[in-house]
Amino acid sequence: MPAAQRFIRKWEAETPDGAPFVTVKCFGEPAKVFIGLAFRHIRRQRHILDVARRFRLLPCVKELLEESTDIPVPTGDGNLMLEGKAPTKELFRVILGEGRLEGGARTYMLVTFYPLTK
């Protein structure tokens, strides 16, 4: 958990306003995916072992969002889904939600991320 907290703080420091985001290519045009709400959701609503299991995927989640050109798949509840593979060969899923900025620009937020069990 301390390593994950350091990763999050570094990520926040890399972005203006301290609101961590990633610029993604997967929507055909550059778009921002804001990260902060997913961190709070996972920390508050999950058992510590689940939090640790998920947070060890943070570097993989960031890399998937930054590098993937795969088009996200719509989910049944209006969100979007990407899947990736960690260097350990473990599959994981990233769920994104869509929103709009005040000026009307489209933006996205990381809703959650989790490893896929076999």
PDB file of N, CA and C in Angstrom:
ATOM      1  N   MET A   1       0.814  -1.202   0.000  1.00  0.00           N
ATOM      2  CA  MET A   1       0.000   0.000   0.000  1.00  0.00           C
ATOM      3  C   MET A   1       0.860   1.270   0.000  1.00  0.00           C
ATOM      4  N   PRO A   2       1.963   1.307   0.764  1.00  0.00           N
ATOM      5  CA  PRO A   2       2.778   2.524   0.707  1.00  0.00           C
ATOM      6  C   PRO A   2       3.316   2.822  -0.699  1.00  0.00           C
ATOM      7  N   ALA A   3       3.682   1.778  -1.442  1.00  0.00           N
ATOM      8  CA  ALA A   3       4.169   1.985  -2.811  1.00  0.00           C
ATOM      9  C   ALA A   3       3.057   2.556  -3.693  1.00  0.00           C
ATOM     10  N   ALA A   4       1.843   2.075  -3.512  1.00  0.00           N
ATOM     11  CA  ALA A   4       0.706   2.590  -4.287  1.00  0.00           C
ATOM     12  C   ALA A   4       0.438   4.049  -3.938  1.00  0.00           C
ATOM     13  N   GLN A   5       0.523   4.386  -2.658  1.00  0.00           N
ATOM     14  CA  GLN A   5       0.311   5.774  -2.243  1.00  0.00           C
ATOM     15  C   GLN A   5       1.374   6.692  -2.856  1.00  0.00           C
ATOM     16  N   ARG A   6       2.620   6.239  -2.895  1.00  0.00           N
ATOM     17  CA  ARG A   6       3.687   7.032  -3.517  1.00  0.00           C
ATOM     18  C   ARG A   6       3.412   7.205  -5.014  1.00  0.00           C
ATOM     19  N   PHE A   7       2.956   6.146  -5.670  1.00  0.00           N
ATOM     20  CA  PHE A   7       2.641   6.207  -7.095  1.00  0.00           C
ATOM     21  C   PHE A   7       1.527   7.225  -7.340  1.00  0.00           C
ATOM     22  N   ILE A   8       0.491   7.198  -6.509  1.00  0.00           N
ATOM     23  CA  ILE A   8      -0.627   8.135  -6.654  1.00  0.00           C
ATOM     24  C   ILE A   8      -0.148   9.566  -6.437  1.00  0.00           C
ATOM     25  N   ARG A   9       0.656   9.801  -5.392  1.00  0.00           N
ATOM     26  CA  ARG A   9       1.155  11.157  -5.125  1.00  0.00           C
ATOM     27  C   ARG A   9       2.016  11.652  -6.283  1.00  0.00           C
ATOM     28  N   LYS A  10       2.857  10.782  -6.846  1.00  0.00           N
ATOM     29  CA  LYS A  10       3.690  11.166  -7.982  1.00  0.00           C
ATOM     30  C   LYS A  10       2.816  11.501  -9.183  1.00  0.00           C
ATOM     31  N   TRP A  11       1.805  10.676  -9.417  1.00  0.00           N
ATOM     32  CA  TRP A  11       0.876  10.893 -10.522  1.00  0.00           C
ATOM     33  C   TRP A  11       0.158  12.235 -10.351  1.00  0.00           C
ATOM     34  N   GLU A  12      -0.300  12.532  -9.146  1.00  0.00           N
ATOM     35  CA  GLU A  12      -0.957  13.805  -8.879  1.00  0.00           C
ATOM     36  C   GLU A  12      -0.009  14.971  -9.106  1.00  0.00           C
ATOM     37  N   ALA A  13       1.259  14.815  -8.731  1.00  0.00           N
ATOM     38  CA  ALA A  13       2.247  15.880  -8.889  1.00  0.00           C
ATOM     39  C   ALA A  13       2.568  16.145 -10.363  1.00  0.00           C
ATOM     40  N   GLU A  14       2.406  15.153 -11.215  1.00  0.00           N
ATOM     41  CA  GLU A  14       2.699  15.302 -12.644  1.00  0.00           C
ATOM     42  C   GLU A  14       1.623  16.080 -13.384  1.00  0.00           C
ATOM     43  N   THR A  15       0.463  16.252 -12.775  1.00  0.00           N
ATOM     44  CA  THR A  15      -0.658  16.876 -13.474  1.00  0.00           C
ATOM     45  C   THR A  15      -0.984  18.231 -12.853  1.00  0.00           C
ATOM     46  N   PRO A  16      -1.414  19.188 -13.680  1.00  0.00           N
ATOM     47  CA  PRO A  16      -1.800  20.490 -13.136  1.00  0.00           C
ATOM     48  C   PRO A  16      -2.992  20.336 -12.201  1.00  0.00           C
ATOM     49  N   ASP A  17      -3.080  21.199 -11.231  1.00  0.00           N
ATOM     50  CA  ASP A  17      -4.172  21.221 -10.251  1.00  0.00           C
ATOM     51  C   ASP A  17      -4.176  20.015  -9.324  1.00  0.00           C
ATOM     52  N   GLY A  18      -3.222  19.110  -9.451  1.00  0.00           N
ATOM     53  CA  GLY A  18      -3.159  17.945  -8.583  1.00  0.00           C
ATOM     54  C   GLY A  18      -4.263  16.924  -8.837  1.00  0.00           C
ATOM     55  N   ALA A  19      -5.080  17.132  -9.874  1.00  0.00           N
ATOM     56  CA  ALA A  19      -6.132  16.174 -10.226  1.00  0.00           C
ATOM     57  C   ALA A  19      -5.557  15.219 -11.260  1.00  0.00           C
ATOM     58  N   PRO A  20      -5.212  14.003 -10.855  1.00  0.00           N
ATOM     59  CA  PRO A  20      -4.541  13.110 -11.804  1.00  0.00           C
ATOM     60  C   PRO A  20      -5.427  12.746 -12.992  1.00  0.00           C
ATOM     61  N   PHE A  21      -4.821  12.824 -14.161  1.00  0.00           N
ATOM     62  CA  PHE A  21      -5.512  12.405 -15.377  1.00  0.00           C
ATOM     63  C   PHE A  21      -4.497  11.820 -16.331  1.00  0.00           C
ATOM     64  N   VAL A  22      -4.996  11.175 -17.354  1.00  0.00           N
ATOM     65  CA  VAL A  22      -4.179  10.599 -18.413  1.00  0.00           C
ATOM     66  C   VAL A  22      -4.792  11.051 -19.726  1.00  0.00           C
ATOM     67  N   THR A  23      -3.947  11.428 -20.667  1.00  0.00           N
ATOM     68  CA  THR A  23      -4.429  11.720 -22.014  1.00  0.00           C
ATOM     69  C   THR A  23      -4.414  10.414 -22.792  1.00  0.00           C
ATOM     70  N   VAL A  24      -5.573  10.053 -23.318  1.00  0.00           N
ATOM     71  CA  VAL A  24      -5.731   8.768 -24.002  1.00  0.00           C
ATOM     72  C   VAL A  24      -5.895   8.956 -25.501  1.00  0.00           C
ATOM     73  N   LYS A  25      -5.610   7.887 -26.244  1.00  0.00           N
ATOM     74  CA  LYS A  25      -5.730   7.893 -27.702  1.00  0.00           C
ATOM     75  C   LYS A  25      -6.879   7.010 -28.182  1.00  0.00           C
ATOM     76  N   CYS A  26      -7.484   6.262 -27.301  1.00  0.00           N
ATOM     77  CA  CYS A  26      -8.405   5.196 -27.698  1.00  0.00           C
ATOM     78  C   CYS A  26      -9.754   5.677 -28.236  1.00  0.00           C
ATOM     79  N   PHE A  27     -10.026   6.973 -28.182  1.00  0.00           N
ATOM     80  CA  PHE A  27     -11.306   7.460 -28.685  1.00  0.00           C
ATOM     81  C   PHE A  27     -11.175   8.090 -30.068  1.00  0.00           C
ATOM     82  N   GLY A  28     -10.009   7.918 -30.706  1.00  0.00           N
ATOM     83  CA  GLY A  28      -9.798   8.468 -32.030  1.00  0.00           C
ATOM     84  C   GLY A  28      -9.307   9.904 -31.999  1.00  0.00           C
ATOM     85  N   GLU A  29      -9.387  10.540 -30.888  1.00  0.00           N
ATOM     86  CA  GLU A  29      -8.880  11.896 -30.693  1.00  0.00           C
ATOM     87  C   GLU A  29      -8.373  11.973 -29.260  1.00  0.00           C
ATOM     88  N   PRO A  30      -7.428  12.853 -28.981  1.00  0.00           N
ATOM     89  CA  PRO A  30      -6.933  12.941 -27.602  1.00  0.00           C
ATOM     90  C   PRO A  30      -8.068  13.330 -26.650  1.00  0.00           C
ATOM     91  N   ALA A  31      -8.156  12.633 -25.555  1.00  0.00           N
ATOM     92  CA  ALA A  31      -9.168  12.918 -24.533  1.00  0.00           C
ATOM     93  C   ALA A  31      -8.533  12.683 -23.173  1.00  0.00           C
ATOM     94  N   LYS A  32      -9.083  13.315 -22.159  1.00  0.00           N
ATOM     95  CA  LYS A  32      -8.568  13.147 -20.805  1.00  0.00           C
ATOM     96  C   LYS A  32      -9.437  12.158 -20.038  1.00  0.00           C
ATOM     97  N   VAL A  33      -8.768  11.321 -19.267  1.00  0.00           N
ATOM     98  CA  VAL A  33      -9.445  10.436 -18.322  1.00  0.00           C
ATOM     99  C   VAL A  33      -8.956  10.852 -16.941  1.00  0.00           C
ATOM    100  N   PHE A  34      -9.881  11.344 -16.115  1.00  0.00           N
ATOM    101  CA  PHE A  34      -9.553  11.748 -14.758  1.00  0.00           C
ATOM    102  C   PHE A  34      -9.613  10.534 -13.843  1.00  0.00           C
ATOM    103  N   ILE A  35      -8.712  10.497 -12.883  1.00  0.00           N
ATOM    104  CA  ILE A  35      -8.471   9.287 -12.115  1.00  0.00           C
ATOM    105  C   ILE A  35      -8.999   9.338 -10.686  1.00  0.00           C
ATOM    106  N   GLY A  36      -9.009  10.471 -10.036  1.00  0.00           N
ATOM    107  CA  GLY A  36      -9.180  10.603  -8.597  1.00  0.00           C
ATOM    108  C   GLY A  36     -10.348   9.881  -7.954  1.00  0.00           C
ATOM    109  N   LEU A  37     -11.508   9.895  -8.558  1.00  0.00           N
ATOM    110  CA  LEU A  37     -12.680   9.298  -7.916  1.00  0.00           C
ATOM    111  C   LEU A  37     -12.548   7.799  -7.740  1.00  0.00           C
ATOM    112  N   ALA A  38     -11.902   7.129  -8.665  1.00  0.00           N
ATOM    113  CA  ALA A  38     -11.736   5.677  -8.552  1.00  0.00           C
ATOM    114  C   ALA A  38     -10.886   5.320  -7.343  1.00  0.00           C
ATOM    115  N   PHE A  39      -9.842   6.106  -7.071  1.00  0.00           N
ATOM    116  CA  PHE A  39      -8.998   5.840  -5.909  1.00  0.00           C
ATOM    117  C   PHE A  39      -9.824   5.895  -4.629  1.00  0.00           C
ATOM    118  N   ARG A  40     -10.640   6.935  -4.509  1.00  0.00           N
ATOM    119  CA  ARG A  40     -11.459   7.084  -3.294  1.00  0.00           C
ATOM    120  C   ARG A  40     -12.475   5.954  -3.177  1.00  0.00           C
ATOM    121  N   HIS A  41     -13.121   5.607  -4.277  1.00  0.00           N
ATOM    122  CA  HIS A  41     -14.123   4.542  -4.277  1.00  0.00           C
ATOM    123  C   HIS A  41     -13.511   3.227  -3.793  1.00  0.00           C
ATOM    124  N   ILE A  42     -12.366   2.888  -4.353  1.00  0.00           N
ATOM    125  CA  ILE A  42     -11.753   1.606  -4.012  1.00  0.00           C
ATOM    126  C   ILE A  42     -11.276   1.602  -2.570  1.00  0.00           C
ATOM    127  N   ARG A  43     -10.651   2.687  -2.130  1.00  0.00           N
ATOM    128  CA  ARG A  43     -10.129   2.739  -0.753  1.00  0.00           C
ATOM    129  C   ARG A  43     -11.229   2.653   0.284  1.00  0.00           C
ATOM    130  N   ARG A  44     -12.362   3.277   0.023  1.00  0.00           N
ATOM    131  CA  ARG A  44     -13.430   3.355   1.027  1.00  0.00           C
ATOM    132  C   ARG A  44     -14.368   2.164   1.047  1.00  0.00           C
ATOM    133  N   GLN A  45     -14.558   1.529  -0.091  1.00  0.00           N
ATOM    134  CA  GLN A  45     -15.612   0.524  -0.174  1.00  0.00           C
ATOM    135  C   GLN A  45     -15.115  -0.906  -0.295  1.00  0.00           C
ATOM    136  N   ARG A  46     -13.832  -1.112  -0.243  1.00  0.00           N
ATOM    137  CA  ARG A  46     -13.307  -2.454  -0.437  1.00  0.00           C
ATOM    138  C   ARG A  46     -12.489  -2.908   0.753  1.00  0.00           C
ATOM    139  N   HIS A  47     -12.404  -4.213   0.918  1.00  0.00           N
ATOM    140  CA  HIS A  47     -11.569  -4.822   1.954  1.00  0.00           C
ATOM    141  C   HIS A  47     -10.107  -4.528   1.621  1.00  0.00           C
ATOM    142  N   ILE A  48      -9.270  -4.391   2.625  1.00  0.00           N
ATOM    143  CA  ILE A  48      -7.874  -4.001   2.436  1.00  0.00           C
ATOM    144  C   ILE A  48      -7.125  -4.956   1.502  1.00  0.00           C
ATOM    145  N   LEU A  49      -7.424  -6.237   1.542  1.00  0.00           N
ATOM    146  CA  LEU A  49      -6.751  -7.180   0.642  1.00  0.00           C
ATOM    147  C   LEU A  49      -7.156  -6.941  -0.815  1.00  0.00           C
ATOM    148  N   ASP A  50      -8.430  -6.605  -1.044  1.00  0.00           N
ATOM    149  CA  ASP A  50      -8.890  -6.289  -2.388  1.00  0.00           C
ATOM    150  C   ASP A  50      -8.258  -4.983  -2.863  1.00  0.00           C
ATOM    151  N   VAL A  51      -8.164  -4.008  -1.966  1.00  0.00           N
ATOM    152  CA  VAL A  51      -7.533  -2.727  -2.310  1.00  0.00           C
ATOM    153  C   VAL A  51      -6.085  -2.963  -2.727  1.00  0.00           C
ATOM    154  N   ALA A  52      -5.346  -3.752  -1.963  1.00  0.00           N
ATOM    155  CA  ALA A  52      -3.946  -4.038  -2.278  1.00  0.00           C
ATOM    156  C   ALA A  52      -3.833  -4.775  -3.619  1.00  0.00           C
ATOM    157  N   ARG A  53      -4.725  -5.733  -3.846  1.00  0.00           N
ATOM    158  CA  ARG A  53      -4.717  -6.501  -5.094  1.00  0.00           C
ATOM    159  C   ARG A  53      -4.954  -5.591  -6.301  1.00  0.00           C
ATOM    160  N   ARG A  54      -5.859  -4.631  -6.138  1.00  0.00           N
ATOM    161  CA  ARG A  54      -6.153  -3.709  -7.233  1.00  0.00           C
ATOM    162  C   ARG A  54      -5.046  -2.672  -7.421  1.00  0.00           C
ATOM    163  N   PHE A  55      -4.590  -2.105  -6.313  1.00  0.00           N
ATOM    164  CA  PHE A  55      -3.625  -1.012  -6.410  1.00  0.00           C
ATOM    165  C   PHE A  55      -2.287  -1.452  -6.977  1.00  0.00           C
ATOM    166  N   ARG A  56      -1.958  -2.729  -6.876  1.00  0.00           N
ATOM    167  CA  ARG A  56      -0.695  -3.161  -7.481  1.00  0.00           C
ATOM    168  C   ARG A  56      -0.777  -3.097  -9.003  1.00  0.00           C
ATOM    169  N   LEU A  57      -1.980  -2.955  -9.540  1.00  0.00           N
ATOM    170  CA  LEU A  57      -2.176  -2.828 -10.983  1.00  0.00           C
ATOM    171  C   LEU A  57      -2.092  -1.378 -11.469  1.00  0.00           C
ATOM    172  N   LEU A  58      -1.932  -0.421 -10.565  1.00  0.00           N
ATOM    173  CA  LEU A  58      -1.959   0.995 -10.959  1.00  0.00           C
ATOM    174  C   LEU A  58      -1.008   1.339 -12.104  1.00  0.00           C
ATOM    175  N   PRO A  59       0.261   0.943 -12.053  1.00  0.00           N
ATOM    176  CA  PRO A  59       1.130   1.275 -13.194  1.00  0.00           C
ATOM    177  C   PRO A  59       0.621   0.678 -14.506  1.00  0.00           C
ATOM    178  N   CYS A  60       0.040  -0.508 -14.438  1.00  0.00           N
ATOM    179  CA  CYS A  60      -0.497  -1.156 -15.642  1.00  0.00           C
ATOM    180  C   CYS A  60      -1.724  -0.404 -16.154  1.00  0.00           C
ATOM    181  N   VAL A  61      -2.573   0.045 -15.242  1.00  0.00           N
ATOM    182  CA  VAL A  61      -3.762   0.808 -15.623  1.00  0.00           C
ATOM    183  C   VAL A  61      -3.338   2.097 -16.316  1.00  0.00           C
ATOM    184  N   LYS A  62      -2.367   2.790 -15.726  1.00  0.00           N
ATOM    185  CA  LYS A  62      -1.901   4.047 -16.318  1.00  0.00           C
ATOM    186  C   LYS A  62      -1.327   3.802 -17.714  1.00  0.00           C
ATOM    187  N   GLU A  63      -0.496   2.769 -17.854  1.00  0.00           N
ATOM    188  CA  GLU A  63       0.098   2.465 -19.155  1.00  0.00           C
ATOM    189  C   GLU A  63      -0.968   2.084 -20.180  1.00  0.00           C
ATOM    190  N   LEU A  64      -1.936   1.275 -19.782  1.00  0.00           N
ATOM    191  CA  LEU A  64      -3.015   0.892 -20.703  1.00  0.00           C
ATOM    192  C   LEU A  64      -3.751   2.136 -21.198  1.00  0.00           C
ATOM    193  N   LEU A  65      -4.075   3.033 -20.283  1.00  0.00           N
ATOM    194  CA  LEU A  65      -4.800   4.243 -20.675  1.00  0.00           C
ATOM    195  C   LEU A  65      -3.951   5.140 -21.582  1.00  0.00           C
ATOM    196  N   GLU A  66      -2.678   5.254 -21.285  1.00  0.00           N
ATOM    197  CA  GLU A  66      -1.805   6.117 -22.087  1.00  0.00           C
ATOM    198  C   GLU A  66      -1.507   5.548 -23.473  1.00  0.00           C
ATOM    199  N   GLU A  67      -1.369   4.238 -23.575  1.00  0.00           N
ATOM    200  CA  GLU A  67      -0.844   3.632 -24.797  1.00  0.00           C
ATOM    201  C   GLU A  67      -1.877   2.934 -25.676  1.00  0.00           C
ATOM    202  N   SER A  68      -2.984   2.514 -25.117  1.00  0.00           N
ATOM    203  CA  SER A  68      -3.929   1.710 -25.885  1.00  0.00           C
ATOM    204  C   SER A  68      -4.626   2.537 -26.965  1.00  0.00           C
ATOM    205  N   THR A  69      -4.741   1.943 -28.138  1.00  0.00           N
ATOM    206  CA  THR A  69      -5.537   2.542 -29.210  1.00  0.00           C
ATOM    207  C   THR A  69      -6.798   1.710 -29.458  1.00  0.00           C
ATOM    208  N   ASP A  70      -7.014   0.691 -28.622  1.00  0.00           N
ATOM    209  CA  ASP A  70      -8.230  -0.124 -28.726  1.00  0.00           C
ATOM    210  C   ASP A  70      -9.436   0.739 -28.379  1.00  0.00           C
ATOM    211  N   ILE A  71     -10.501   0.568 -29.113  1.00  0.00           N
ATOM    212  CA  ILE A  71     -11.729   1.304 -28.829  1.00  0.00           C
ATOM    213  C   ILE A  71     -12.421   0.637 -27.649  1.00  0.00           C
ATOM    214  N   PRO A  72     -12.752   1.400 -26.602  1.00  0.00           N
ATOM    215  CA  PRO A  72     -13.422   0.799 -25.440  1.00  0.00           C
ATOM    216  C   PRO A  72     -14.771   0.192 -25.822  1.00  0.00           C
ATOM    217  N   VAL A  73     -15.104  -0.888 -25.171  1.00  0.00           N
ATOM    218  CA  VAL A  73     -16.353  -1.605 -25.422  1.00  0.00           C
ATOM    219  C   VAL A  73     -17.424  -1.056 -24.482  1.00  0.00           C
ATOM    220  N   PRO A  74     -18.607  -0.701 -25.014  1.00  0.00           N
ATOM    221  CA  PRO A  74     -19.681  -0.236 -24.130  1.00  0.00           C
ATOM    222  C   PRO A  74     -20.151  -1.363 -23.204  1.00  0.00           C
ATOM    223  N   THR A  75     -20.457  -1.003 -21.970  1.00  0.00           N
ATOM    224  CA  THR A  75     -21.019  -1.957 -21.011  1.00  0.00           C
ATOM    225  C   THR A  75     -22.523  -1.747 -20.954  1.00  0.00           C
ATOM    226  N   GLY A  76     -23.218  -2.629 -20.292  1.00  0.00           N
ATOM    227  CA  GLY A  76     -24.671  -2.534 -20.202  1.00  0.00           C
ATOM    228  C   GLY A  76     -25.178  -1.340 -19.417  1.00  0.00           C
ATOM    229  N   ASP A  77     -24.329  -0.748 -18.588  1.00  0.00           N
ATOM    230  CA  ASP A  77     -24.781   0.363 -17.747  1.00  0.00           C
ATOM    231  C   ASP A  77     -24.301   1.726 -18.236  1.00  0.00           C
ATOM    232  N   GLY A  78     -23.894   1.803 -19.501  1.00  0.00           N
ATOM    233  CA  GLY A  78     -23.512   3.083 -20.082  1.00  0.00           C
ATOM    234  C   GLY A  78     -22.053   3.465 -19.903  1.00  0.00           C
ATOM    235  N   ASN A  79     -21.275   2.619 -19.286  1.00  0.00           N
ATOM    236  CA  ASN A  79     -19.848   2.888 -19.137  1.00  0.00           C
ATOM    237  C   ASN A  79     -19.084   2.269 -20.302  1.00  0.00           C
ATOM    238  N   LEU A  80     -17.776   2.427 -20.275  1.00  0.00           N
ATOM    239  CA  LEU A  80     -16.906   1.878 -21.308  1.00  0.00           C
ATOM    240  C   LEU A  80     -15.855   1.004 -20.655  1.00  0.00           C
ATOM    241  N   MET A  81     -15.419  -0.041 -21.351  1.00  0.00           N
ATOM    242  CA  MET A  81     -14.510  -1.023 -20.754  1.00  0.00           C
ATOM    243  C   MET A  81     -13.300  -1.252 -21.653  1.00  0.00           C
ATOM    244  N   LEU A  82     -12.133  -1.301 -21.018  1.00  0.00           N
ATOM    245  CA  LEU A  82     -10.894  -1.721 -21.671  1.00  0.00           C
ATOM    246  C   LEU A  82     -10.318  -2.872 -20.870  1.00  0.00           C
ATOM    247  N   GLU A  83      -9.647  -3.783 -21.551  1.00  0.00           N
ATOM    248  CA  GLU A  83      -8.971  -4.872 -20.852  1.00  0.00           C
ATOM    249  C   GLU A  83      -7.501  -4.842 -21.209  1.00  0.00           C
ATOM    250  N   GLY A  84      -6.678  -5.215 -20.237  1.00  0.00           N
ATOM    251  CA  GLY A  84      -5.245  -5.233 -20.442  1.00  0.00           C
ATOM    252  C   GLY A  84      -4.615  -6.441 -19.785  1.00  0.00           C
ATOM    253  N   LYS A  85      -3.304  -6.589 -20.013  1.00  0.00           N
ATOM    254  CA  LYS A  85      -2.564  -7.696 -19.424  1.00  0.00           C
ATOM    255  C   LYS A  85      -1.329  -7.124 -18.739  1.00  0.00           C
ATOM    256  N   ALA A  86      -1.172  -7.465 -17.464  1.00  0.00           N
ATOM    257  CA  ALA A  86      -0.016  -7.035 -16.687  1.00  0.00           C
ATOM    258  C   ALA A  86       1.207  -7.851 -17.112  1.00  0.00           C
ATOM    259  N   PRO A  87       2.419  -7.383 -16.791  1.00  0.00           N
ATOM    260  CA  PRO A  87       3.617  -8.164 -17.120  1.00  0.00           C
ATOM    261  C   PRO A  87       3.612  -9.563 -16.504  1.00  0.00           C
ATOM    262  N   THR A  88       2.825  -9.747 -15.448  1.00  0.00           N
ATOM    263  CA  THR A  88       2.715 -11.062 -14.811  1.00  0.00           C
ATOM    264  C   THR A  88       1.735 -11.971 -15.552  1.00  0.00           C
ATOM    265  N   LYS A  89       1.226 -11.509 -16.694  1.00  0.00           N
ATOM    266  CA  LYS A  89       0.244 -12.228 -17.525  1.00  0.00           C
ATOM    267  C   LYS A  89      -1.169 -12.184 -16.943  1.00  0.00           C
ATOM    268  N   GLU A  90      -1.350 -11.454 -15.856  1.00  0.00           N
ATOM    269  CA  GLU A  90      -2.672 -11.315 -15.237  1.00  0.00           C
ATOM    270  C   GLU A  90      -3.517 -10.335 -16.052  1.00  0.00           C
ATOM    271  N   LEU A  91      -4.733 -10.735 -16.364  1.00  0.00           N
ATOM    272  CA  LEU A  91      -5.660  -9.867 -17.083  1.00  0.00           C
ATOM    273  C   LEU A  91      -6.363  -8.946 -16.099  1.00  0.00           C
ATOM    274  N   PHE A  92      -6.646  -7.722 -16.557  1.00  0.00           N
ATOM    275  CA  PHE A  92      -7.389  -6.787 -15.716  1.00  0.00           C
ATOM    276  C   PHE A  92      -8.333  -5.976 -16.584  1.00  0.00           C
ATOM    277  N   ARG A  93      -9.315  -5.384 -15.935  1.00  0.00           N
ATOM    278  CA  ARG A  93     -10.344  -4.603 -16.626  1.00  0.00           C
ATOM    279  C   ARG A  93     -10.371  -3.193 -16.045  1.00  0.00           C
ATOM    280  N   VAL A  94     -10.543  -2.229 -16.934  1.00  0.00           N
ATOM    281  CA  VAL A  94     -10.661  -0.823 -16.561  1.00  0.00           C
ATOM    282  C   VAL A  94     -12.029  -0.351 -17.047  1.00  0.00           C
ATOM    283  N   ILE A  95     -12.788   0.267 -16.152  1.00  0.00           N
ATOM    284  CA  ILE A  95     -14.113   0.785 -16.493  1.00  0.00           C
ATOM    285  C   ILE A  95     -14.044   2.312 -16.469  1.00  0.00           C
ATOM    286  N   LEU A  96     -14.501   2.928 -17.576  1.00  0.00           N
ATOM    287  CA  LEU A  96     -14.506   4.380 -17.716  1.00  0.00           C
ATOM    288  C   LEU A  96     -15.938   4.880 -17.808  1.00  0.00           C
ATOM    289  N   GLY A  97     -16.169   6.062 -17.253  1.00  0.00           N
ATOM    290  CA  GLY A  97     -17.453   6.740 -17.383  1.00  0.00           C
ATOM    291  C   GLY A  97     -17.261   7.986 -18.224  1.00  0.00           C
ATOM    292  N   GLU A  98     -18.300   8.418 -18.911  1.00  0.00           N
ATOM    293  CA  GLU A  98     -18.223   9.587 -19.782  1.00  0.00           C
ATOM    294  C   GLU A  98     -18.863  10.781 -19.103  1.00  0.00           C
ATOM    295  N   GLY A  99     -18.302  11.959 -19.350  1.00  0.00           N
ATOM    296  CA  GLY A  99     -18.854  13.186 -18.802  1.00  0.00           C
ATOM    297  C   GLY A  99     -18.543  14.357 -19.709  1.00  0.00           C
ATOM    298  N   ARG A 100     -18.918  15.528 -19.269  1.00  0.00           N
ATOM    299  CA  ARG A 100     -18.658  16.759 -20.035  1.00  0.00           C
ATOM    300  C   ARG A 100     -18.056  17.801 -19.101  1.00  0.00           C
ATOM    301  N   LEU A 101     -17.107  18.577 -19.633  1.00  0.00           N
ATOM    302  CA  LEU A 101     -16.558  19.703 -18.894  1.00  0.00           C
ATOM    303  C   LEU A 101     -17.504  20.883 -19.044  1.00  0.00           C
ATOM    304  N   GLU A 102     -17.261  21.943 -18.288  1.00  0.00           N
ATOM    305  CA  GLU A 102     -18.146  23.109 -18.332  1.00  0.00           C
ATOM    306  C   GLU A 102     -18.296  23.684 -19.727  1.00  0.00           C
ATOM    307  N   GLY A 103     -17.230  23.689 -20.513  1.00  0.00           N
ATOM    308  CA  GLY A 103     -17.285  24.217 -21.876  1.00  0.00           C
ATOM    309  C   GLY A 103     -17.940  23.272 -22.863  1.00  0.00           C
ATOM    310  N   GLY A 104     -18.371  22.114 -22.416  1.00  0.00           N
ATOM    311  CA  GLY A 104     -19.018  21.147 -23.284  1.00  0.00           C
ATOM    312  C   GLY A 104     -18.079  20.089 -23.835  1.00  0.00           C
ATOM    313  N   ALA A 105     -16.780  20.225 -23.558  1.00  0.00           N
ATOM    314  CA  ALA A 105     -15.827  19.236 -24.057  1.00  0.00           C
ATOM    315  C   ALA A 105     -16.063  17.892 -23.387  1.00  0.00           C
ATOM    316  N   ARG A 106     -15.930  16.844 -24.151  1.00  0.00           N
ATOM    317  CA  ARG A 106     -16.112  15.487 -23.632  1.00  0.00           C
ATOM    318  C   ARG A 106     -14.910  15.103 -22.779  1.00  0.00           C
ATOM    319  N   THR A 107     -15.182  14.469 -21.685  1.00  0.00           N
ATOM    320  CA  THR A 107     -14.124  13.973 -20.816  1.00  0.00           C
ATOM    321  C   THR A 107     -14.559  12.627 -20.258  1.00  0.00           C
ATOM    322  N   TYR A 108     -13.639  11.942 -19.648  1.00  0.00           N
ATOM    323  CA  TYR A 108     -13.923  10.620 -19.105  1.00  0.00           C
ATOM    324  C   TYR A 108     -13.345  10.520 -17.710  1.00  0.00           C
ATOM    325  N   MET A 109     -13.866   9.588 -16.934  1.00  0.00           N
ATOM    326  CA  MET A 109     -13.322   9.351 -15.602  1.00  0.00           C
ATOM    327  C   MET A 109     -13.142   7.858 -15.403  1.00  0.00           C
ATOM    328  N   LEU A 110     -12.119   7.523 -14.647  1.00  0.00           N
ATOM    329  CA  LEU A 110     -11.886   6.136 -14.286  1.00  0.00           C
ATOM    330  C   LEU A 110     -12.896   5.780 -13.203  1.00  0.00           C
ATOM    331  N   VAL A 111     -13.781   4.845 -13.502  1.00  0.00           N
ATOM    332  CA  VAL A 111     -14.793   4.427 -12.535  1.00  0.00           C
ATOM    333  C   VAL A 111     -14.198   3.387 -11.589  1.00  0.00           C
ATOM    334  N   THR A 112     -13.548   2.381 -12.148  1.00  0.00           N
ATOM    335  CA  THR A 112     -12.917   1.354 -11.329  1.00  0.00           C
ATOM    336  C   THR A 112     -11.949   0.539 -12.182  1.00  0.00           C
ATOM    337  N   PHE A 113     -11.173  -0.282 -11.550  1.00  0.00           N
ATOM    338  CA  PHE A 113     -10.276  -1.229 -12.215  1.00  0.00           C
ATOM    339  C   PHE A 113     -10.100  -2.411 -11.305  1.00  0.00           C
ATOM    340  N   TYR A 114      -9.931  -3.592 -11.897  1.00  0.00           N
ATOM    341  CA  TYR A 114      -9.816  -4.799 -11.096  1.00  0.00           C
ATOM    342  C   TYR A 114      -9.209  -5.924 -11.923  1.00  0.00           C
ATOM    343  N   PRO A 115      -8.541  -6.859 -11.236  1.00  0.00           N
ATOM    344  CA  PRO A 115      -8.017  -8.024 -11.945  1.00  0.00           C
ATOM    345  C   PRO A 115      -9.154  -8.973 -12.300  1.00  0.00           C
ATOM    346  N   LEU A 116      -9.000  -9.662 -13.414  1.00  0.00           N
ATOM    347  CA  LEU A 116      -9.990 -10.660 -13.821  1.00  0.00           C
ATOM    348  C   LEU A 116      -9.556 -12.009 -13.280  1.00  0.00           C
ATOM    349  N   THR A 117     -10.437 -12.670 -12.595  1.00  0.00           N
ATOM    350  CA  THR A 117     -10.111 -13.980 -12.053  1.00  0.00           C
ATOM    351  C   THR A 117     -10.384 -15.033 -13.103  1.00  0.00           C
ATOM    352  N   LYS A 118      -9.669 -16.112 -13.018  1.00  0.00           N
ATOM    353  CA  LYS A 118      -9.815 -17.191 -14.000  1.00  0.00           C
ATOM    354  C   LYS A 118     -10.953 -18.098 -13.646  1.00  0.00           C
TER     355      LYS A 118
END
